[in-house]
Amino acid sequence: MPARRRRPEVRMGRPTLTKERIARAALRVLGRGGPTELTMRNVAAELQVSPRALYNYVSDRDDLLREVLAICHADRPEPRLDPGRWRESLRDYCLDLRSWYRAHPGLLALAHAENLTHLATPGLLDADDALVGFFLALGLSSQNAYRAWTITVLQVAGFAEIWDTWHDRPPAGLLPAAVATAPPAEGRPHLGRIGEEAVVEPPDVLFESVVVMLTAGIEGALLRPASGGADAPVSGGVGAPASGGAGASAPGGADAPA
């Protein structure tokens, strides 16, 4: 049987269209302009082809979105979760998840703006299932495993969507240096105090504090007995029992990441 001919990578000076290339172009359009800009016409312009050319690969916008979700799912790293070293595992998971959200800007905004449930690819929730299983293996109750899962995703996704987006792609007219300044404090004594006494941390440093507080909350849920028959809620607050976590002092008297 003759070997099947491979599609050329480049044709007439342009990359050959494939479903993956179209989906990744759609992600670039989404990241720059948000869900309202994600149209067949704009994706075609990104690829320097006519909108008609796209319909040889995707039947309509829903089909395009299905390919976008499939690419995002394929890009998501496999969870590396080990209950025997759960603090390190959770930190690695959060770092990987944050990187994934940052690599797919606009994805959360799209999920917020449109119903994508009918377009979900098989296995889309496998990573979430693994995270819940990880929390159950630590000894959390089903209720607290649910809380820990949702809080983890909310903390990481919220940080990536708000704080990272603000720093990675500052709003038009806002210089990157202005993002790293303390908030205006005129007439606001408490903001004024942190402006004078606290250091504005870069996103990577601040995110470590997010993970520390999250870990402290899970440790607190593991250590606190249920009260009145109800599960102790998972909290990421300062003062929750933690080993080397929130409230610990760094050498030289400096605060450890909160």
C-alpha atoms as a PDB file:
ATOM      1  CA  MET A   1       0.000   0.000   0.000  1.00  0.00           C
ATOM      2  CA  PRO A   2       1.556   3.344  -1.005  1.00  0.00           C
ATOM      3  CA  ALA A   3       2.521   5.693   1.829  1.00  0.00           C
ATOM      4  CA  ARG A   4       0.016   8.405   2.566  1.00  0.00           C
ATOM      5  CA  ARG A   5       1.195  11.805   1.413  1.00  0.00           C
ATOM      6  CA  ARG A   6       1.724  14.314   4.212  1.00  0.00           C
ATOM      7  CA  ARG A   7       0.155  17.730   3.953  1.00  0.00           C
ATOM      8  CA  PRO A   8       2.919  20.319   3.318  1.00  0.00           C
ATOM      9  CA  GLU A   9       3.697  22.588   6.258  1.00  0.00           C
ATOM     10  CA  VAL A  10       3.799  25.667   4.047  1.00  0.00           C
ATOM     11  CA  ARG A  11       1.961  26.410   0.843  1.00  0.00           C
ATOM     12  CA  MET A  12       2.513  29.547  -1.253  1.00  0.00           C
ATOM     13  CA  GLY A  13       4.500  31.122   1.571  1.00  0.00           C
ATOM     14  CA  ARG A  14       1.809  30.576   4.212  1.00  0.00           C
ATOM     15  CA  PRO A  15       1.392  27.837   6.822  1.00  0.00           C
ATOM     16  CA  THR A  16      -1.032  25.174   5.678  1.00  0.00           C
ATOM     17  CA  LEU A  17      -4.364  25.298   7.481  1.00  0.00           C
ATOM     18  CA  THR A  18      -5.189  22.585   9.980  1.00  0.00           C
ATOM     19  CA  LYS A  19      -7.781  22.414  12.738  1.00  0.00           C
ATOM     20  CA  GLU A  20      -5.069  22.931  15.335  1.00  0.00           C
ATOM     21  CA  ARG A  21      -3.629  26.012  13.607  1.00  0.00           C
ATOM     22  CA  ILE A  22      -7.097  27.485  13.277  1.00  0.00           C
ATOM     23  CA  ALA A  23      -7.840  26.818  16.959  1.00  0.00           C
ATOM     24  CA  ARG A  24      -4.558  28.378  18.090  1.00  0.00           C
ATOM     25  CA  ALA A  25      -5.214  31.427  15.923  1.00  0.00           C
ATOM     26  CA  ALA A  26      -8.630  31.662  17.584  1.00  0.00           C
ATOM     27  CA  LEU A  27      -6.926  31.590  20.992  1.00  0.00           C
ATOM     28  CA  ARG A  28      -4.675  34.484  19.971  1.00  0.00           C
ATOM     29  CA  VAL A  29      -7.699  36.489  18.840  1.00  0.00           C
ATOM     30  CA  LEU A  30      -9.495  35.631  22.084  1.00  0.00           C
ATOM     31  CA  GLY A  31      -6.497  36.629  24.208  1.00  0.00           C
ATOM     32  CA  ARG A  32      -6.183  40.016  22.546  1.00  0.00           C
ATOM     33  CA  GLY A  33      -9.792  41.043  22.179  1.00  0.00           C
ATOM     34  CA  GLY A  34     -11.980  38.836  24.354  1.00  0.00           C
ATOM     35  CA  PRO A  35     -15.035  36.761  23.430  1.00  0.00           C
ATOM     36  CA  THR A  36     -16.764  39.440  21.340  1.00  0.00           C
ATOM     37  CA  GLU A  37     -13.794  39.540  18.941  1.00  0.00           C
ATOM     38  CA  LEU A  38     -13.746  35.780  18.450  1.00  0.00           C
ATOM     39  CA  THR A  39     -15.426  35.623  15.048  1.00  0.00           C
ATOM     40  CA  MET A  40     -14.726  33.547  11.953  1.00  0.00           C
ATOM     41  CA  ARG A  41     -13.779  36.716  10.120  1.00  0.00           C
ATOM     42  CA  ASN A  42     -11.225  37.769  12.739  1.00  0.00           C
ATOM     43  CA  VAL A  43      -9.706  34.297  12.945  1.00  0.00           C
ATOM     44  CA  ALA A  44      -9.384  34.252   9.150  1.00  0.00           C
ATOM     45  CA  ALA A  45      -7.682  37.642   9.260  1.00  0.00           C
ATOM     46  CA  GLU A  46      -5.261  36.309  11.899  1.00  0.00           C
ATOM     47  CA  LEU A  47      -4.333  33.494   9.507  1.00  0.00           C
ATOM     48  CA  GLN A  48      -4.328  35.765   6.442  1.00  0.00           C
ATOM     49  CA  VAL A  49      -6.937  33.677   4.653  1.00  0.00           C
ATOM     50  CA  SER A  50     -10.527  34.258   3.649  1.00  0.00           C
ATOM     51  CA  PRO A  51     -13.302  33.271   6.083  1.00  0.00           C
ATOM     52  CA  ARG A  52     -14.461  30.826   3.452  1.00  0.00           C
ATOM     53  CA  ALA A  53     -11.206  28.874   3.789  1.00  0.00           C
ATOM     54  CA  LEU A  54     -11.955  28.126   7.431  1.00  0.00           C
ATOM     55  CA  TYR A  55     -15.156  26.290   6.559  1.00  0.00           C
ATOM     56  CA  ASN A  56     -13.115  23.519   4.957  1.00  0.00           C
ATOM     57  CA  TYR A  57     -12.013  22.620   8.495  1.00  0.00           C
ATOM     58  CA  VAL A  58     -14.708  23.846  10.903  1.00  0.00           C
ATOM     59  CA  SER A  59     -18.387  23.898  10.056  1.00  0.00           C
ATOM     60  CA  ASP A  60     -19.383  26.934  12.153  1.00  0.00           C
ATOM     61  CA  ARG A  61     -18.389  28.981  15.194  1.00  0.00           C
ATOM     62  CA  ASP A  62     -19.526  26.255  17.602  1.00  0.00           C
ATOM     63  CA  ASP A  63     -17.262  23.805  15.824  1.00  0.00           C
ATOM     64  CA  LEU A  64     -14.443  26.328  16.120  1.00  0.00           C
ATOM     65  CA  LEU A  65     -15.062  26.663  19.858  1.00  0.00           C
ATOM     66  CA  ARG A  66     -15.064  22.870  20.182  1.00  0.00           C
ATOM     67  CA  GLU A  67     -11.603  22.783  18.612  1.00  0.00           C
ATOM     68  CA  VAL A  68     -10.426  25.600  20.906  1.00  0.00           C
ATOM     69  CA  LEU A  69     -11.533  23.652  23.989  1.00  0.00           C
ATOM     70  CA  ALA A  70      -9.884  20.484  22.672  1.00  0.00           C
ATOM     71  CA  ILE A  71      -6.579  22.327  22.225  1.00  0.00           C
ATOM     72  CA  CYS A  72      -6.819  23.847  25.710  1.00  0.00           C
ATOM     73  CA  HIS A  73      -7.515  20.426  27.178  1.00  0.00           C
ATOM     74  CA  ALA A  74      -4.567  18.900  25.309  1.00  0.00           C
ATOM     75  CA  ASP A  75      -2.301  21.668  26.621  1.00  0.00           C
ATOM     76  CA  ARG A  76      -3.267  21.141  30.261  1.00  0.00           C
ATOM     77  CA  PRO A  77      -0.483  19.339  32.150  1.00  0.00           C
ATOM     78  CA  GLU A  78      -1.176  16.024  33.848  1.00  0.00           C
ATOM     79  CA  PRO A  79      -1.575  16.485  37.623  1.00  0.00           C
ATOM     80  CA  ARG A  80       1.425  15.331  39.667  1.00  0.00           C
ATOM     81  CA  LEU A  81      -0.266  14.789  42.996  1.00  0.00           C
ATOM     82  CA  ASP A  82       1.283  12.703  45.768  1.00  0.00           C
ATOM     83  CA  PRO A  83      -0.511  12.620  49.149  1.00  0.00           C
ATOM     84  CA  GLY A  84       2.797  11.596  50.749  1.00  0.00           C
ATOM     85  CA  ARG A  85       4.279  14.987  49.902  1.00  0.00           C
ATOM     86  CA  TRP A  86       1.048  16.888  49.624  1.00  0.00           C
ATOM     87  CA  ARG A  87       2.307  20.426  50.273  1.00  0.00           C
ATOM     88  CA  GLU A  88       4.876  20.231  47.486  1.00  0.00           C
ATOM     89  CA  SER A  89       2.366  18.473  45.209  1.00  0.00           C
ATOM     90  CA  LEU A  90      -0.277  21.114  45.781  1.00  0.00           C
ATOM     91  CA  ARG A  91       2.226  23.900  45.098  1.00  0.00           C
ATOM     92  CA  ASP A  92       3.329  22.229  41.848  1.00  0.00           C
ATOM     93  CA  TYR A  93      -0.304  21.762  40.822  1.00  0.00           C
ATOM     94  CA  CYS A  94      -1.100  25.429  41.475  1.00  0.00           C
ATOM     95  CA  LEU A  95       1.976  26.605  39.559  1.00  0.00           C
ATOM     96  CA  ASP A  96       1.099  24.396  36.586  1.00  0.00           C
ATOM     97  CA  LEU A  97      -2.537  25.501  36.619  1.00  0.00           C
ATOM     98  CA  ARG A  98      -1.562  29.161  36.790  1.00  0.00           C
ATOM     99  CA  SER A  99       0.821  28.713  33.838  1.00  0.00           C
ATOM    100  CA  TRP A 100      -1.943  27.010  31.866  1.00  0.00           C
ATOM    101  CA  TYR A 101      -4.387  29.855  32.465  1.00  0.00           C
ATOM    102  CA  ARG A 102      -1.736  32.426  31.527  1.00  0.00           C
ATOM    103  CA  ALA A 103      -0.993  30.544  28.301  1.00  0.00           C
ATOM    104  CA  HIS A 104      -4.684  30.691  27.336  1.00  0.00           C
ATOM    105  CA  PRO A 105      -5.766  34.279  28.095  1.00  0.00           C
ATOM    106  CA  GLY A 106      -9.430  34.977  27.580  1.00  0.00           C
ATOM    107  CA  LEU A 107     -10.513  31.383  28.176  1.00  0.00           C
ATOM    108  CA  LEU A 108     -12.171  32.201  31.495  1.00  0.00           C
ATOM    109  CA  ALA A 109     -13.869  35.242  29.979  1.00  0.00           C
ATOM    110  CA  LEU A 110     -15.194  33.039  27.172  1.00  0.00           C
ATOM    111  CA  ALA A 111     -16.554  30.475  29.638  1.00  0.00           C
ATOM    112  CA  HIS A 112     -18.178  33.330  31.534  1.00  0.00           C
ATOM    113  CA  ALA A 113     -19.731  34.869  28.432  1.00  0.00           C
ATOM    114  CA  GLU A 114     -21.006  31.743  26.676  1.00  0.00           C
ATOM    115  CA  ASN A 115     -22.400  28.336  27.544  1.00  0.00           C
ATOM    116  CA  LEU A 116     -19.696  25.875  26.502  1.00  0.00           C
ATOM    117  CA  THR A 117     -20.989  22.760  28.259  1.00  0.00           C
ATOM    118  CA  HIS A 118     -22.290  21.179  25.043  1.00  0.00           C
ATOM    119  CA  LEU A 119     -18.856  21.622  23.461  1.00  0.00           C
ATOM    120  CA  ALA A 120     -16.786  20.024  26.226  1.00  0.00           C
ATOM    121  CA  THR A 121     -14.332  17.349  25.134  1.00  0.00           C
ATOM    122  CA  PRO A 122     -14.112  13.931  26.831  1.00  0.00           C
ATOM    123  CA  GLY A 123     -11.743  14.007  29.755  1.00  0.00           C
ATOM    124  CA  LEU A 124     -12.041  17.760  30.282  1.00  0.00           C
ATOM    125  CA  LEU A 125     -12.681  17.248  34.015  1.00  0.00           C
ATOM    126  CA  ASP A 126     -10.112  14.481  34.577  1.00  0.00           C
ATOM    127  CA  ALA A 127      -7.629  16.877  36.210  1.00  0.00           C
ATOM    128  CA  ASP A 128     -10.346  18.157  38.553  1.00  0.00           C
ATOM    129  CA  ASP A 129     -11.302  14.591  39.442  1.00  0.00           C
ATOM    130  CA  ALA A 130      -7.663  13.861  40.286  1.00  0.00           C
ATOM    131  CA  LEU A 131      -7.481  16.938  42.526  1.00  0.00           C
ATOM    132  CA  VAL A 132     -10.616  15.929  44.435  1.00  0.00           C
ATOM    133  CA  GLY A 133      -9.220  12.406  44.844  1.00  0.00           C
ATOM    134  CA  PHE A 134      -5.992  13.913  46.168  1.00  0.00           C
ATOM    135  CA  PHE A 135      -7.857  15.888  48.841  1.00  0.00           C
ATOM    136  CA  LEU A 136      -9.904  12.842  49.820  1.00  0.00           C
ATOM    137  CA  ALA A 137      -6.689  10.808  50.140  1.00  0.00           C
ATOM    138  CA  LEU A 138      -5.367  13.415  52.584  1.00  0.00           C
ATOM    139  CA  GLY A 139      -8.287  12.605  54.886  1.00  0.00           C
ATOM    140  CA  LEU A 140     -10.588  15.516  54.118  1.00  0.00           C
ATOM    141  CA  SER A 141     -14.285  14.761  54.255  1.00  0.00           C
ATOM    142  CA  SER A 142     -16.242  14.871  51.025  1.00  0.00           C
ATOM    143  CA  GLN A 143     -17.590  18.307  51.967  1.00  0.00           C
ATOM    144  CA  ASN A 144     -14.150  19.721  52.697  1.00  0.00           C
ATOM    145  CA  ALA A 145     -12.622  18.030  49.633  1.00  0.00           C
ATOM    146  CA  TYR A 146     -15.278  19.843  47.585  1.00  0.00           C
ATOM    147  CA  ARG A 147     -14.390  23.106  49.315  1.00  0.00           C
ATOM    148  CA  ALA A 148     -10.649  22.607  48.866  1.00  0.00           C
ATOM    149  CA  TRP A 149     -11.094  21.812  45.161  1.00  0.00           C
ATOM    150  CA  THR A 150     -13.286  24.819  44.417  1.00  0.00           C
ATOM    151  CA  ILE A 151     -11.172  27.214  46.503  1.00  0.00           C
ATOM    152  CA  THR A 152      -7.978  26.015  44.798  1.00  0.00           C
ATOM    153  CA  VAL A 153      -9.416  26.599  41.333  1.00  0.00           C
ATOM    154  CA  LEU A 154     -10.935  29.948  42.318  1.00  0.00           C
ATOM    155  CA  GLN A 155      -7.693  31.199  43.876  1.00  0.00           C
ATOM    156  CA  VAL A 156      -5.503  30.181  40.948  1.00  0.00           C
ATOM    157  CA  ALA A 157      -7.929  31.133  38.180  1.00  0.00           C
ATOM    158  CA  GLY A 158      -8.774  34.450  39.818  1.00  0.00           C
ATOM    159  CA  PHE A 159      -5.101  35.333  40.261  1.00  0.00           C
ATOM    160  CA  ALA A 160      -4.316  34.463  36.643  1.00  0.00           C
ATOM    161  CA  GLU A 161      -7.358  36.211  35.211  1.00  0.00           C
ATOM    162  CA  ILE A 162      -7.053  39.414  37.240  1.00  0.00           C
ATOM    163  CA  TRP A 163      -3.539  39.930  38.577  1.00  0.00           C
ATOM    164  CA  ASP A 164      -1.529  38.168  35.871  1.00  0.00           C
ATOM    165  CA  THR A 165      -3.632  39.605  33.068  1.00  0.00           C
ATOM    166  CA  TRP A 166      -3.140  43.098  34.461  1.00  0.00           C
ATOM    167  CA  HIS A 167       0.640  42.591  34.490  1.00  0.00           C
ATOM    168  CA  ASP A 168       0.997  40.513  31.313  1.00  0.00           C
ATOM    169  CA  ARG A 169      -1.221  42.764  29.204  1.00  0.00           C
ATOM    170  CA  PRO A 170      -1.661  46.159  30.918  1.00  0.00           C
ATOM    171  CA  PRO A 171      -4.688  48.197  29.772  1.00  0.00           C
ATOM    172  CA  ALA A 172      -4.057  50.602  26.918  1.00  0.00           C
ATOM    173  CA  GLY A 173      -2.399  53.773  28.150  1.00  0.00           C
ATOM    174  CA  LEU A 174      -1.144  52.212  31.391  1.00  0.00           C
ATOM    175  CA  LEU A 175       2.628  51.830  31.532  1.00  0.00           C
ATOM    176  CA  PRO A 176       3.860  48.481  32.921  1.00  0.00           C
ATOM    177  CA  ALA A 177       5.738  50.315  35.692  1.00  0.00           C
ATOM    178  CA  ALA A 178       2.471  51.841  36.916  1.00  0.00           C
ATOM    179  CA  VAL A 179       1.036  48.378  37.559  1.00  0.00           C
ATOM    180  CA  ALA A 180       3.702  47.710  40.185  1.00  0.00           C
ATOM    181  CA  THR A 181       2.909  50.731  42.322  1.00  0.00           C
ATOM    182  CA  ALA A 182       0.909  50.923  45.543  1.00  0.00           C
ATOM    183  CA  PRO A 183      -2.761  52.021  45.278  1.00  0.00           C
ATOM    184  CA  PRO A 184      -3.573  55.706  45.830  1.00  0.00           C
ATOM    185  CA  ALA A 185      -4.043  56.353  49.537  1.00  0.00           C
ATOM    186  CA  GLU A 186      -5.258  59.945  49.906  1.00  0.00           C
ATOM    187  CA  GLY A 187      -7.685  59.970  52.829  1.00  0.00           C
ATOM    188  CA  ARG A 188      -7.363  56.203  53.254  1.00  0.00           C
ATOM    189  CA  PRO A 189      -5.255  55.573  56.373  1.00  0.00           C
ATOM    190  CA  HIS A 190      -4.984  51.810  56.043  1.00  0.00           C
ATOM    191  CA  LEU A 191      -3.922  51.870  52.403  1.00  0.00           C
ATOM    192  CA  GLY A 192      -1.569  54.662  53.362  1.00  0.00           C
ATOM    193  CA  ARG A 193       0.002  52.474  56.010  1.00  0.00           C
ATOM    194  CA  ILE A 194       0.707  49.558  53.697  1.00  0.00           C
ATOM    195  CA  GLY A 195       1.963  52.031  51.101  1.00  0.00           C
ATOM    196  CA  GLU A 196       4.550  53.208  53.614  1.00  0.00           C
ATOM    197  CA  GLU A 197       5.380  49.930  55.331  1.00  0.00           C
ATOM    198  CA  ALA A 198       4.741  47.147  52.825  1.00  0.00           C
ATOM    199  CA  VAL A 199       6.563  46.277  49.618  1.00  0.00           C
ATOM    200  CA  VAL A 200       4.603  45.851  46.375  1.00  0.00           C
ATOM    201  CA  GLU A 201       5.508  42.325  45.341  1.00  0.00           C
ATOM    202  CA  PRO A 202       5.813  41.009  41.779  1.00  0.00           C
ATOM    203  CA  PRO A 203       3.162  38.475  40.762  1.00  0.00           C
ATOM    204  CA  ASP A 204       5.379  35.405  41.200  1.00  0.00           C
ATOM    205  CA  VAL A 205       6.202  36.359  44.794  1.00  0.00           C
ATOM    206  CA  LEU A 206       2.596  37.236  45.605  1.00  0.00           C
ATOM    207  CA  PHE A 207       1.375  33.953  44.143  1.00  0.00           C
ATOM    208  CA  GLU A 208       3.608  32.038  46.553  1.00  0.00           C
ATOM    209  CA  SER A 209       1.638  33.731  49.350  1.00  0.00           C
ATOM    210  CA  VAL A 210      -1.599  32.530  47.741  1.00  0.00           C
ATOM    211  CA  VAL A 211      -0.301  28.956  47.865  1.00  0.00           C
ATOM    212  CA  VAL A 212       0.932  29.331  51.467  1.00  0.00           C
ATOM    213  CA  MET A 213      -2.483  30.590  52.623  1.00  0.00           C
ATOM    214  CA  LEU A 214      -4.265  27.846  50.693  1.00  0.00           C
ATOM    215  CA  THR A 215      -2.025  25.207  52.278  1.00  0.00           C
ATOM    216  CA  ALA A 216      -2.616  26.691  55.732  1.00  0.00           C
ATOM    217  CA  GLY A 217      -6.362  26.475  55.246  1.00  0.00           C
ATOM    218  CA  ILE A 218      -6.185  22.813  54.244  1.00  0.00           C
ATOM    219  CA  GLU A 219      -3.948  22.039  57.218  1.00  0.00           C
ATOM    220  CA  GLY A 220      -6.478  23.761  59.439  1.00  0.00           C
ATOM    221  CA  ALA A 221      -9.299  21.623  58.040  1.00  0.00           C
ATOM    222  CA  LEU A 222      -7.243  18.481  58.658  1.00  0.00           C
ATOM    223  CA  LEU A 223      -6.436  19.459  62.245  1.00  0.00           C
ATOM    224  CA  ARG A 224      -9.726  20.946  63.421  1.00  0.00           C
ATOM    225  CA  PRO A 225     -12.405  18.499  64.545  1.00  0.00           C
ATOM    226  CA  ALA A 226     -15.875  18.918  63.156  1.00  0.00           C
ATOM    227  CA  SER A 227     -18.041  21.224  65.268  1.00  0.00           C
ATOM    228  CA  GLY A 228     -21.615  20.284  65.942  1.00  0.00           C
ATOM    229  CA  GLY A 229     -21.485  17.549  63.333  1.00  0.00           C
ATOM    230  CA  ALA A 230     -20.635  19.953  60.515  1.00  0.00           C
ATOM    231  CA  ASP A 231     -17.344  19.871  58.676  1.00  0.00           C
ATOM    232  CA  ALA A 232     -14.891  22.592  59.606  1.00  0.00           C
ATOM    233  CA  PRO A 233     -14.698  24.876  56.600  1.00  0.00           C
ATOM    234  CA  VAL A 234     -11.500  25.176  54.621  1.00  0.00           C
ATOM    235  CA  SER A 235     -10.092  28.656  55.058  1.00  0.00           C
ATOM    236  CA  GLY A 236      -7.015  30.262  53.655  1.00  0.00           C
ATOM    237  CA  GLY A 237      -6.804  32.834  56.401  1.00  0.00           C
ATOM    238  CA  VAL A 238      -3.751  33.966  58.281  1.00  0.00           C
ATOM    239  CA  GLY A 239      -3.376  32.158  61.576  1.00  0.00           C
ATOM    240  CA  ALA A 240      -4.619  28.786  60.397  1.00  0.00           C
ATOM    241  CA  PRO A 241      -2.293  26.071  61.725  1.00  0.00           C
ATOM    242  CA  ALA A 242       0.572  25.650  59.294  1.00  0.00           C
ATOM    243  CA  SER A 243       4.128  24.423  59.335  1.00  0.00           C
ATOM    244  CA  GLY A 244       6.243  27.270  58.019  1.00  0.00           C
ATOM    245  CA  GLY A 245       3.090  28.881  56.695  1.00  0.00           C
ATOM    246  CA  ALA A 246       1.208  32.085  57.399  1.00  0.00           C
ATOM    247  CA  GLY A 247       2.333  33.919  60.461  1.00  0.00           C
ATOM    248  CA  ALA A 248       5.822  32.408  60.538  1.00  0.00           C
ATOM    249  CA  SER A 249       8.687  34.844  60.777  1.00  0.00           C
ATOM    250  CA  ALA A 250      11.411  34.872  58.182  1.00  0.00           C
ATOM    251  CA  PRO A 251      15.062  35.286  59.188  1.00  0.00           C
ATOM    252  CA  GLY A 252      15.916  38.815  60.183  1.00  0.00           C
ATOM    253  CA  GLY A 253      12.374  39.497  61.397  1.00  0.00           C
ATOM    254  CA  ALA A 254      10.907  40.010  57.908  1.00  0.00           C
ATOM    255  CA  ASP A 255       7.454  38.646  57.332  1.00  0.00           C
ATOM    256  CA  ALA A 256       7.197  35.320  55.606  1.00  0.00           C
ATOM    257  CA  PRO A 257       4.884  35.249  52.571  1.00  0.00           C
ATOM    258  CA  ALA A 258       1.388  35.568  53.993  1.00  0.00           C
END
